[in-house]
Amino acid sequence: LSCAASGSSLRLGGVAWYRQAPGKEREVVASMGMFGNVNYG
C-alpha cells in the first residue's frame, strides 16, 4: 500500500496505518515516528 501526501515542501511527522473491517472497530496496524521508531500491532 502507498500513501502519498500532496503538495511541495512538506515534512512528514509520525505516520501510521490503520484498518477497519465491516462491523469492527478501527485498529492500528503499524506506526512510525519521525525518526524511524516503529511499532506494530
Full PDB file with SEQRES, HELIX, SHEET, SSBOND, CRYST1, ORIGX, SCALE, CONECT and MASTER records, all heavy atoms in Angstrom:
SEQRES   1 A   41  LEU SER CYS ALA ALA SER GLY SER SER LEU ARG LEU GLY          
SEQRES   2 A   41  GLY VAL ALA TRP TYR ARG GLN ALA PRO GLY LYS GLU ARG          
SEQRES   3 A   41  GLU VAL VAL ALA SER MET GLY MET PHE GLY ASN VAL ASN          
SEQRES   4 A   41  TYR GLY                                                      
SHEET    1 AA1 3 VAL A  15  ARG A  19  0                                        
SHEET    2 AA1 3 GLU A  27  MET A  32 -1                                        
SHEET    3 AA1 3 VAL A  38  TYR A  40 -1                                        
CRYST1    1.000    1.000    1.000  90.00  90.00  90.00 P 1           1          
ORIGX1      1.000000  0.000000  0.000000        0.00000                         
ORIGX2      0.000000  1.000000  0.000000        0.00000                         
ORIGX3      0.000000  0.000000  1.000000        0.00000                         
SCALE1      1.000000  0.000000  0.000000        0.00000                         
SCALE2      0.000000  1.000000  0.000000        0.00000                         
SCALE3      0.000000  0.000000  1.000000        0.00000                         
ATOM      1  N   LEU A   1       0.829  -1.186   0.000  1.00  0.00           N  
ATOM      2  CA  LEU A   1       0.000   0.000   0.000  1.00  0.00           C  
ATOM      3  C   LEU A   1       0.871   1.246   0.000  1.00  0.00           C  
ATOM      4  O   LEU A   1       1.934   1.267   0.617  1.00  0.00           O  
ATOM      5  CB  LEU A   1      -0.919   0.025   1.221  1.00  0.00           C  
ATOM      6  CG  LEU A   1      -1.798  -1.203   1.454  1.00  0.00           C  
ATOM      7  CD1 LEU A   1      -2.688  -0.981   2.668  1.00  0.00           C  
ATOM      8  CD2 LEU A   1      -2.620  -1.526   0.221  1.00  0.00           C  
ATOM      9  N   SER A   2       0.399   2.265  -0.688  1.00  0.00           N  
ATOM     10  CA  SER A   2       1.106   3.531  -0.732  1.00  0.00           C  
ATOM     11  C   SER A   2       0.185   4.648  -0.283  1.00  0.00           C  
ATOM     12  O   SER A   2      -1.026   4.600  -0.504  1.00  0.00           O  
ATOM     13  CB  SER A   2       1.608   3.829  -2.150  1.00  0.00           C  
ATOM     14  OG  SER A   2       2.523   2.855  -2.593  1.00  0.00           O  
ATOM     15  N   CYS A   3       0.765   5.637   0.318  1.00  0.00           N  
ATOM     16  CA  CYS A   3       0.025   6.801   0.777  1.00  0.00           C  
ATOM     17  C   CYS A   3       0.889   8.021   0.506  1.00  0.00           C  
ATOM     18  O   CYS A   3       1.898   8.230   1.181  1.00  0.00           O  
ATOM     19  CB  CYS A   3      -0.302   6.664   2.266  1.00  0.00           C  
ATOM     20  SG  CYS A   3      -1.121   8.089   2.996  1.00  0.00           S  
ATOM     21  N   ALA A   4       0.489   8.799  -0.470  1.00  0.00           N  
ATOM     22  CA  ALA A   4       1.278   9.944  -0.903  1.00  0.00           C  
ATOM     23  C   ALA A   4       0.620  11.246  -0.477  1.00  0.00           C  
ATOM     24  O   ALA A   4      -0.562  11.469  -0.729  1.00  0.00           O  
ATOM     25  CB  ALA A   4       1.459   9.920  -2.416  1.00  0.00           C  
ATOM     26  N   ALA A   5       1.389  12.092   0.136  1.00  0.00           N  
ATOM     27  CA  ALA A   5       0.912  13.406   0.544  1.00  0.00           C  
ATOM     28  C   ALA A   5       1.112  14.404  -0.591  1.00  0.00           C  
ATOM     29  O   ALA A   5       2.176  14.455  -1.202  1.00  0.00           O  
ATOM     30  CB  ALA A   5       1.644  13.872   1.796  1.00  0.00           C  
ATOM     31  N   SER A   6       0.090  15.163  -0.856  1.00  0.00           N  
ATOM     32  CA  SER A   6       0.157  16.150  -1.920  1.00  0.00           C  
ATOM     33  C   SER A   6       0.913  17.385  -1.470  1.00  0.00           C  
ATOM     34  O   SER A   6       1.129  17.606  -0.277  1.00  0.00           O  
ATOM     35  CB  SER A   6      -1.250  16.533  -2.368  1.00  0.00           C  
ATOM     36  OG  SER A   6      -1.951  17.195  -1.322  1.00  0.00           O  
ATOM     37  N   GLY A   7       1.268  18.187  -2.445  1.00  0.00           N  
ATOM     38  CA  GLY A   7       1.930  19.437  -2.157  1.00  0.00           C  
ATOM     39  C   GLY A   7       3.442  19.332  -2.185  1.00  0.00           C  
ATOM     40  O   GLY A   7       4.018  18.256  -2.320  1.00  0.00           O  
ATOM     41  N   SER A   8       4.060  20.449  -2.070  1.00  0.00           N  
ATOM     42  CA  SER A   8       5.510  20.530  -2.045  1.00  0.00           C  
ATOM     43  C   SER A   8       5.965  21.112  -0.719  1.00  0.00           C  
ATOM     44  O   SER A   8       5.168  21.666   0.045  1.00  0.00           O  
ATOM     45  CB  SER A   8       6.025  21.384  -3.205  1.00  0.00           C  
ATOM     46  OG  SER A   8       5.520  22.706  -3.130  1.00  0.00           O  
ATOM     47  N   SER A   9       7.239  20.971  -0.483  1.00  0.00           N  
ATOM     48  CA  SER A   9       7.832  21.481   0.754  1.00  0.00           C  
ATOM     49  C   SER A   9       7.119  20.953   1.983  1.00  0.00           C  
ATOM     50  O   SER A   9       6.842  21.692   2.933  1.00  0.00           O  
ATOM     51  CB  SER A   9       7.834  23.013   0.745  1.00  0.00           C  
ATOM     52  OG  SER A   9       8.567  23.518  -0.345  1.00  0.00           O  
ATOM     53  N   LEU A  10       6.818  19.677   1.941  1.00  0.00           N  
ATOM     54  CA  LEU A  10       6.144  19.029   3.055  1.00  0.00           C  
ATOM     55  C   LEU A  10       7.155  18.306   3.935  1.00  0.00           C  
ATOM     56  O   LEU A  10       8.196  17.857   3.472  1.00  0.00           O  
ATOM     57  CB  LEU A  10       5.108  18.031   2.559  1.00  0.00           C  
ATOM     58  CG  LEU A  10       4.016  18.549   1.634  1.00  0.00           C  
ATOM     59  CD1 LEU A  10       3.107  17.413   1.217  1.00  0.00           C  
ATOM     60  CD2 LEU A  10       3.227  19.659   2.302  1.00  0.00           C  
ATOM     61  N   ARG A  11       6.798  18.197   5.179  1.00  0.00           N  
ATOM     62  CA  ARG A  11       7.596  17.427   6.115  1.00  0.00           C  
ATOM     63  C   ARG A  11       6.680  16.461   6.837  1.00  0.00           C  
ATOM     64  O   ARG A  11       5.661  16.863   7.393  1.00  0.00           O  
ATOM     65  CB  ARG A  11       8.311  18.344   7.111  1.00  0.00           C  
ATOM     66  CG  ARG A  11       9.267  17.615   8.050  1.00  0.00           C  
ATOM     67  CD  ARG A  11      10.324  18.561   8.589  1.00  0.00           C  
ATOM     68  NE  ARG A  11       9.759  19.567   9.476  1.00  0.00           N  
ATOM     69  CZ  ARG A  11       9.943  19.607  10.791  1.00  0.00           C  
ATOM     70  NH1 ARG A  11      10.688  18.684  11.386  1.00  0.00           N  
ATOM     71  NH2 ARG A  11       9.400  20.574  11.505  1.00  0.00           N  
ATOM     72  N   LEU A  12       7.032  15.208   6.810  1.00  0.00           N  
ATOM     73  CA  LEU A  12       6.249  14.177   7.456  1.00  0.00           C  
ATOM     74  C   LEU A  12       6.700  13.987   8.888  1.00  0.00           C  
ATOM     75  O   LEU A  12       7.889  13.869   9.175  1.00  0.00           O  
ATOM     76  CB  LEU A  12       6.369  12.849   6.714  1.00  0.00           C  
ATOM     77  CG  LEU A  12       5.830  12.775   5.288  1.00  0.00           C  
ATOM     78  CD1 LEU A  12       6.074  11.386   4.714  1.00  0.00           C  
ATOM     79  CD2 LEU A  12       4.349  13.109   5.251  1.00  0.00           C  
ATOM     80  N   GLY A  13       5.725  13.950   9.758  1.00  0.00           N  
ATOM     81  CA  GLY A  13       5.996  13.607  11.136  1.00  0.00           C  
ATOM     82  C   GLY A  13       5.686  12.139  11.350  1.00  0.00           C  
ATOM     83  O   GLY A  13       6.088  11.279  10.570  1.00  0.00           O  
ATOM     84  N   GLY A  14       4.963  11.845  12.406  1.00  0.00           N  
ATOM     85  CA  GLY A  14       4.555  10.473  12.638  1.00  0.00           C  
ATOM     86  C   GLY A  14       3.585   9.999  11.572  1.00  0.00           C  
ATOM     87  O   GLY A  14       2.740  10.759  11.094  1.00  0.00           O  
ATOM     88  N   VAL A  15       3.719   8.758  11.179  1.00  0.00           N  
ATOM     89  CA  VAL A  15       2.831   8.161  10.180  1.00  0.00           C  
ATOM     90  C   VAL A  15       2.334   6.829  10.716  1.00  0.00           C  
ATOM     91  O   VAL A  15       2.971   6.203  11.562  1.00  0.00           O  
ATOM     92  CB  VAL A  15       3.529   7.959   8.821  1.00  0.00           C  
ATOM     93  CG1 VAL A  15       3.961   9.303   8.246  1.00  0.00           C  
ATOM     94  CG2 VAL A  15       4.744   7.045   8.969  1.00  0.00           C  
ATOM     95  N   ALA A  16       1.202   6.399  10.202  1.00  0.00           N  
ATOM     96  CA  ALA A  16       0.622   5.154  10.681  1.00  0.00           C  
ATOM     97  C   ALA A  16      -0.352   4.591   9.666  1.00  0.00           C  
ATOM     98  O   ALA A  16      -0.862   5.310   8.796  1.00  0.00           O  
ATOM     99  CB  ALA A  16      -0.093   5.364  12.019  1.00  0.00           C  
ATOM    100  N   TRP A  17      -0.591   3.310   9.783  1.00  0.00           N  
ATOM    101  CA  TRP A  17      -1.614   2.622   9.018  1.00  0.00           C  
ATOM    102  C   TRP A  17      -2.620   2.022   9.974  1.00  0.00           C  
ATOM    103  O   TRP A  17      -2.241   1.394  10.972  1.00  0.00           O  
ATOM    104  CB  TRP A  17      -1.028   1.517   8.140  1.00  0.00           C  
ATOM    105  CG  TRP A  17      -0.278   2.022   6.949  1.00  0.00           C  
ATOM    106  CD1 TRP A  17       1.057   2.257   6.854  1.00  0.00           C  
ATOM    107  CD2 TRP A  17      -0.838   2.350   5.674  1.00  0.00           C  
ATOM    108  NE1 TRP A  17       1.383   2.713   5.605  1.00  0.00           N  
ATOM    109  CE2 TRP A  17       0.231   2.781   4.852  1.00  0.00           C  
ATOM    110  CE3 TRP A  17      -2.121   2.324   5.146  1.00  0.00           C  
ATOM    111  CZ2 TRP A  17       0.042   3.174   3.533  1.00  0.00           C  
ATOM    112  CZ3 TRP A  17      -2.306   2.727   3.831  1.00  0.00           C  
ATOM    113  CH2 TRP A  17      -1.237   3.143   3.047  1.00  0.00           C  
ATOM    114  N   TYR A  18      -3.883   2.207   9.659  1.00  0.00           N  
ATOM    115  CA  TYR A  18      -4.981   1.626  10.395  1.00  0.00           C  
ATOM    116  C   TYR A  18      -5.804   0.766   9.455  1.00  0.00           C  
ATOM    117  O   TYR A  18      -5.717   0.896   8.241  1.00  0.00           O  
ATOM    118  CB  TYR A  18      -5.880   2.703  11.005  1.00  0.00           C  
ATOM    119  CG  TYR A  18      -5.231   3.544  12.082  1.00  0.00           C  
ATOM    120  CD1 TYR A  18      -4.351   4.566  11.758  1.00  0.00           C  
ATOM    121  CD2 TYR A  18      -5.525   3.320  13.424  1.00  0.00           C  
ATOM    122  CE1 TYR A  18      -3.769   5.345  12.744  1.00  0.00           C  
ATOM    123  CE2 TYR A  18      -4.953   4.094  14.411  1.00  0.00           C  
ATOM    124  CZ  TYR A  18      -4.081   5.107  14.068  1.00  0.00           C  
ATOM    125  OH  TYR A  18      -3.511   5.883  15.047  1.00  0.00           O  
ATOM    126  N   ARG A  19      -6.625  -0.080  10.017  1.00  0.00           N  
ATOM    127  CA  ARG A  19      -7.546  -0.843   9.198  1.00  0.00           C  
ATOM    128  C   ARG A  19      -8.857  -1.019   9.938  1.00  0.00           C  
ATOM    129  O   ARG A  19      -8.911  -0.985  11.165  1.00  0.00           O  
ATOM    130  CB  ARG A  19      -6.971  -2.206   8.814  1.00  0.00           C  
ATOM    131  CG  ARG A  19      -6.850  -3.198   9.959  1.00  0.00           C  
ATOM    132  CD  ARG A  19      -6.159  -4.460   9.480  1.00  0.00           C  
ATOM    133  NE  ARG A  19      -6.092  -5.481  10.515  1.00  0.00           N  
ATOM    134  CZ  ARG A  19      -5.401  -6.602  10.404  1.00  0.00           C  
ATOM    135  NH1 ARG A  19      -4.709  -6.851   9.287  1.00  0.00           N  
ATOM    136  NH2 ARG A  19      -5.396  -7.483  11.391  1.00  0.00           N  
ATOM    137  N   GLN A  20      -9.908  -1.208   9.170  1.00  0.00           N  
ATOM    138  CA  GLN A  20     -11.226  -1.397   9.737  1.00  0.00           C  
ATOM    139  C   GLN A  20     -12.005  -2.381   8.878  1.00  0.00           C  
ATOM    140  O   GLN A  20     -12.219  -2.149   7.692  1.00  0.00           O  
ATOM    141  CB  GLN A  20     -11.980  -0.076   9.842  1.00  0.00           C  
ATOM    142  CG  GLN A  20     -13.299  -0.179  10.570  1.00  0.00           C  
ATOM    143  CD  GLN A  20     -13.888   1.186  10.889  1.00  0.00           C  
ATOM    144  OE1 GLN A  20     -13.606   2.169  10.222  1.00  0.00           O  
ATOM    145  NE2 GLN A  20     -14.705   1.238  11.924  1.00  0.00           N  
ATOM    146  N   ALA A  21     -12.407  -3.460   9.492  1.00  0.00           N  
ATOM    147  CA  ALA A  21     -13.246  -4.445   8.837  1.00  0.00           C  
ATOM    148  C   ALA A  21     -14.708  -4.124   9.120  1.00  0.00           C  
ATOM    149  O   ALA A  21     -15.025  -3.475  10.121  1.00  0.00           O  
ATOM    150  CB  ALA A  21     -12.897  -5.850   9.321  1.00  0.00           C  
ATOM    151  N   PRO A  22     -15.622  -4.572   8.261  1.00  0.00           N  
ATOM    152  CA  PRO A  22     -17.043  -4.311   8.489  1.00  0.00           C  
ATOM    153  C   PRO A  22     -17.495  -4.791   9.857  1.00  0.00           C  
ATOM    154  O   PRO A  22     -17.231  -5.925  10.248  1.00  0.00           O  
ATOM    155  CB  PRO A  22     -17.727  -5.101   7.373  1.00  0.00           C  
ATOM    156  CG  PRO A  22     -16.713  -5.169   6.282  1.00  0.00           C  
ATOM    157  CD  PRO A  22     -15.401  -5.306   6.999  1.00  0.00           C  
ATOM    158  N   GLY A  23     -18.160  -3.917  10.587  1.00  0.00           N  
ATOM    159  CA  GLY A  23     -18.646  -4.258  11.906  1.00  0.00           C  
ATOM    160  C   GLY A  23     -17.594  -4.256  12.992  1.00  0.00           C  
ATOM    161  O   GLY A  23     -17.910  -4.579  14.142  1.00  0.00           O  
ATOM    162  N   LYS A  24     -16.372  -3.926  12.650  1.00  0.00           N  
ATOM    163  CA  LYS A  24     -15.281  -3.907  13.611  1.00  0.00           C  
ATOM    164  C   LYS A  24     -14.792  -2.487  13.840  1.00  0.00           C  
ATOM    165  O   LYS A  24     -15.035  -1.590  13.031  1.00  0.00           O  
ATOM    166  CB  LYS A  24     -14.116  -4.776  13.134  1.00  0.00           C  
ATOM    167  CG  LYS A  24     -14.468  -6.223  12.860  1.00  0.00           C  
ATOM    168  CD  LYS A  24     -14.811  -6.959  14.136  1.00  0.00           C  
ATOM    169  CE  LYS A  24     -14.831  -8.466  13.907  1.00  0.00           C  
ATOM    170  NZ  LYS A  24     -15.847  -8.867  12.901  1.00  0.00           N  
ATOM    171  N   GLU A  25     -14.119  -2.296  14.952  1.00  0.00           N  
ATOM    172  CA  GLU A  25     -13.523  -1.007  15.235  1.00  0.00           C  
ATOM    173  C   GLU A  25     -12.214  -0.850  14.472  1.00  0.00           C  
ATOM    174  O   GLU A  25     -11.540  -1.824  14.147  1.00  0.00           O  
ATOM    175  CB  GLU A  25     -13.278  -0.850  16.733  1.00  0.00           C  
ATOM    176  CG  GLU A  25     -14.533  -0.790  17.574  1.00  0.00           C  
ATOM    177  CD  GLU A  25     -14.252  -0.516  19.032  1.00  0.00           C  
ATOM    178  OE1 GLU A  25     -13.068  -0.515  19.420  1.00  0.00           O  
ATOM    179  OE2 GLU A  25     -15.203  -0.295  19.786  1.00  0.00           O  
ATOM    180  N   ARG A  26     -11.879   0.377  14.206  1.00  0.00           N  
ATOM    181  CA  ARG A  26     -10.618   0.659  13.548  1.00  0.00           C  
ATOM    182  C   ARG A  26      -9.467   0.326  14.487  1.00  0.00           C  
ATOM    183  O   ARG A  26      -9.499   0.657  15.676  1.00  0.00           O  
ATOM    184  CB  ARG A  26     -10.564   2.124  13.125  1.00  0.00           C  
ATOM    185  CG  ARG A  26      -9.328   2.493  12.321  1.00  0.00           C  
ATOM    186  CD  ARG A  26      -9.403   3.926  11.800  1.00  0.00           C  
ATOM    187  NE  ARG A  26     -10.525   4.114  10.891  1.00  0.00           N  
ATOM    188  CZ  ARG A  26     -10.743   5.216  10.196  1.00  0.00           C  
ATOM    189  NH1 ARG A  26      -9.908   6.250  10.301  1.00  0.00           N  
ATOM    190  NH2 ARG A  26     -11.795   5.315   9.402  1.00  0.00           N  
ATOM    191  N   GLU A  27      -8.444  -0.321  13.958  1.00  0.00           N  
ATOM    192  CA  GLU A  27      -7.292  -0.691  14.753  1.00  0.00           C  
ATOM    193  C   GLU A  27      -6.008  -0.256  14.069  1.00  0.00           C  
ATOM    194  O   GLU A  27      -5.931  -0.188  12.840  1.00  0.00           O  
ATOM    195  CB  GLU A  27      -7.256  -2.203  15.004  1.00  0.00           C  
ATOM    196  CG  GLU A  27      -7.110  -3.033  13.736  1.00  0.00           C  
ATOM    197  CD  GLU A  27      -6.947  -4.506  14.012  1.00  0.00           C  
ATOM    198  OE1 GLU A  27      -6.384  -4.864  15.071  1.00  0.00           O  
ATOM    199  OE2 GLU A  27      -7.386  -5.318  13.164  1.00  0.00           O  
ATOM    200  N   VAL A  28      -5.011   0.017  14.876  1.00  0.00           N  
ATOM    201  CA  VAL A  28      -3.726   0.403  14.330  1.00  0.00           C  
ATOM    202  C   VAL A  28      -2.990  -0.838  13.856  1.00  0.00           C  
ATOM    203  O   VAL A  28      -2.987  -1.873  14.519  1.00  0.00           O  
ATOM    204  CB  VAL A  28      -2.891   1.184  15.368  1.00  0.00           C  
ATOM    205  CG1 VAL A  28      -2.584   0.328  16.585  1.00  0.00           C  
ATOM    206  CG2 VAL A  28      -1.616   1.718  14.741  1.00  0.00           C  
ATOM    207  N   VAL A  29      -2.390  -0.728  12.694  1.00  0.00           N  
ATOM    208  CA  VAL A  29      -1.616  -1.809  12.117  1.00  0.00           C  
ATOM    209  C   VAL A  29      -0.131  -1.593  12.335  1.00  0.00           C  
ATOM    210  O   VAL A  29       0.598  -2.502  12.730  1.00  0.00           O  
ATOM    211  CB  VAL A  29      -1.909  -1.958  10.612  1.00  0.00           C  
ATOM    212  CG1 VAL A  29      -1.036  -3.044   9.997  1.00  0.00           C  
ATOM    213  CG2 VAL A  29      -3.381  -2.261  10.385  1.00  0.00           C  
ATOM    214  N   ALA A  30       0.316  -0.393  12.060  1.00  0.00           N  
ATOM    215  CA  ALA A  30       1.725  -0.063  12.205  1.00  0.00           C  
ATOM    216  C   ALA A  30       1.868   1.441  12.305  1.00  0.00           C  
ATOM    217  O   ALA A  30       1.063   2.187  11.750  1.00  0.00           O  
ATOM    218  CB  ALA A  30       2.548  -0.595  11.033  1.00  0.00           C  
ATOM    219  N   SER A  31       2.886   1.869  12.990  1.00  0.00           N  
ATOM    220  CA  SER A  31       3.155   3.287  13.100  1.00  0.00           C  
ATOM    221  C   SER A  31       4.655   3.521  13.089  1.00  0.00           C  
ATOM    222  O   SER A  31       5.442   2.649  13.469  1.00  0.00           O  
ATOM    223  CB  SER A  31       2.531   3.882  14.372  1.00  0.00           C  
ATOM    224  OG  SER A  31       3.103   3.316  15.536  1.00  0.00           O  
ATOM    225  N   MET A  32       5.031   4.703  12.656  1.00  0.00           N  
ATOM    226  CA  MET A  32       6.435   5.078  12.613  1.00  0.00           C  
ATOM    227  C   MET A  32       6.570   6.540  12.981  1.00  0.00           C  
ATOM    228  O   MET A  32       5.890   7.401  12.427  1.00  0.00           O  
ATOM    229  CB  MET A  32       7.030   4.839  11.222  1.00  0.00           C  
ATOM    230  CG  MET A  32       8.481   5.305  11.083  1.00  0.00           C  
ATOM    231  SD  MET A  32       9.139   5.122   9.406  1.00  0.00           S  
ATOM    232  CE  MET A  32       9.328   3.341   9.329  1.00  0.00           C  
ATOM    233  N   GLY A  33       7.455   6.807  13.914  1.00  0.00           N  
ATOM    234  CA  GLY A  33       7.736   8.169  14.295  1.00  0.00           C  
ATOM    235  C   GLY A  33       8.612   8.869  13.280  1.00  0.00           C  
ATOM    236  O   GLY A  33       9.111   8.263  12.325  1.00  0.00           O  
ATOM    237  N   MET A  34       8.811  10.132  13.494  1.00  0.00           N  
ATOM    238  CA  MET A  34       9.563  10.942  12.548  1.00  0.00           C  
ATOM    239  C   MET A  34      10.978  10.417  12.330  1.00  0.00           C  
ATOM    240  O   MET A  34      11.520  10.525  11.224  1.00  0.00           O  
ATOM    241  CB  MET A  34       9.621  12.395  13.035  1.00  0.00           C  
ATOM    242  CG  MET A  34      10.373  13.338  12.118  1.00  0.00           C  
ATOM    243  SD  MET A  34      10.427  15.043  12.747  1.00  0.00           S  
ATOM    244  CE  MET A  34       8.682  15.476  12.725  1.00  0.00           C  
ATOM    245  N   PHE A  35      11.543   9.848  13.362  1.00  0.00           N  
ATOM    246  CA  PHE A  35      12.921   9.400  13.278  1.00  0.00           C  
ATOM    247  C   PHE A  35      13.059   7.892  13.152  1.00  0.00           C  
ATOM    248  O   PHE A  35      14.124   7.331  13.428  1.00  0.00           O  
ATOM    249  CB  PHE A  35      13.700   9.918  14.489  1.00  0.00           C  
ATOM    250  CG  PHE A  35      13.699  11.410  14.584  1.00  0.00           C  
ATOM    251  CD1 PHE A  35      12.890  12.054  15.514  1.00  0.00           C  
ATOM    252  CD2 PHE A  35      14.474  12.177  13.739  1.00  0.00           C  
ATOM    253  CE1 PHE A  35      12.872  13.433  15.593  1.00  0.00           C  
ATOM    254  CE2 PHE A  35      14.465  13.556  13.812  1.00  0.00           C  
ATOM    255  CZ  PHE A  35      13.662  14.191  14.745  1.00  0.00           C  
ATOM    256  N   GLY A  36      11.990   7.244  12.741  1.00  0.00           N  
ATOM    257  CA  GLY A  36      12.078   5.848  12.382  1.00  0.00           C  
ATOM    258  C   GLY A  36      11.691   4.838  13.435  1.00  0.00           C  
ATOM    259  O   GLY A  36      11.790   3.630  13.181  1.00  0.00           O  
ATOM    260  N   ASN A  37      11.284   5.282  14.589  1.00  0.00           N  
ATOM    261  CA  ASN A  37      10.837   4.347  15.605  1.00  0.00           C  
ATOM    262  C   ASN A  37       9.515   3.728  15.171  1.00  0.00           C  
ATOM    263  O   ASN A  37       8.566   4.426  14.826  1.00  0.00           O  
ATOM    264  CB  ASN A  37      10.702   5.031  16.963  1.00  0.00           C  
ATOM    265  CG  ASN A  37       9.914   6.321  16.891  1.00  0.00           C  
ATOM    266  OD1 ASN A  37      10.292   7.260  16.165  1.00  0.00           O  
ATOM    267  ND2 ASN A  37       8.829   6.401  17.641  1.00  0.00           N  
ATOM    268  N   VAL A  38       9.450   2.412  15.209  1.00  0.00           N  
ATOM    269  CA  VAL A  38       8.338   1.671  14.631  1.00  0.00           C  
ATOM    270  C   VAL A  38       7.635   0.833  15.687  1.00  0.00           C  
ATOM    271  O   VAL A  38       8.275   0.226  16.550  1.00  0.00           O  
ATOM    272  CB  VAL A  38       8.822   0.765  13.487  1.00  0.00           C  
ATOM    273  CG1 VAL A  38       7.682  -0.088  12.962  1.00  0.00           C  
ATOM    274  CG2 VAL A  38       9.420   1.601  12.368  1.00  0.00           C  
ATOM    275  N   ASN A  39       6.334   0.794  15.588  1.00  0.00           N  
ATOM    276  CA  ASN A  39       5.516  -0.090  16.402  1.00  0.00           C  
ATOM    277  C   ASN A  39       4.515  -0.794  15.514  1.00  0.00           C  
ATOM    278  O   ASN A  39       3.956  -0.201  14.594  1.00  0.00           O  
ATOM    279  CB  ASN A  39       4.788   0.682  17.501  1.00  0.00           C  
ATOM    280  CG  ASN A  39       5.702   1.151  18.601  1.00  0.00           C  
ATOM    281  OD1 ASN A  39       6.131   0.375  19.440  1.00  0.00           O  
ATOM    282  ND2 ASN A  39       6.024   2.448  18.595  1.00  0.00           N  
ATOM    283  N   TYR A  40       4.287  -2.068  15.794  1.00  0.00           N  
ATOM    284  CA  TYR A  40       3.343  -2.863  15.036  1.00  0.00           C  
ATOM    285  C   TYR A  40       2.269  -3.428  15.945  1.00  0.00           C  
ATOM    286  O   TYR A  40       2.531  -3.761  17.103  1.00  0.00           O  
ATOM    287  CB  TYR A  40       4.041  -4.022  14.329  1.00  0.00           C  
ATOM    288  CG  TYR A  40       4.971  -3.605  13.228  1.00  0.00           C  
ATOM    289  CD1 TYR A  40       6.345  -3.534  13.449  1.00  0.00           C  
ATOM    290  CD2 TYR A  40       4.486  -3.281  11.966  1.00  0.00           C  
ATOM    291  CE1 TYR A  40       7.204  -3.151  12.439  1.00  0.00           C  
ATOM    292  CE2 TYR A  40       5.344  -2.893  10.954  1.00  0.00           C  
ATOM    293  CZ  TYR A  40       6.702  -2.831  11.199  1.00  0.00           C  
ATOM    294  OH  TYR A  40       7.555  -2.449  10.189  1.00  0.00           O  
ATOM    295  N   GLY A  41       1.069  -3.522  15.391  1.00  0.00           N  
ATOM    296  CA  GLY A  41       0.044  -4.268  16.075  1.00  0.00           C  
ATOM    297  C   GLY A  41       0.401  -5.740  16.080  1.00  0.00           C  
ATOM    298  O   GLY A  41       1.178  -6.217  15.247  1.00  0.00           O  
TER     299      GLY A  41                                                      
MASTER        0    0    0    0    3    0    0    6  298    1    0    4          
END                                                                             
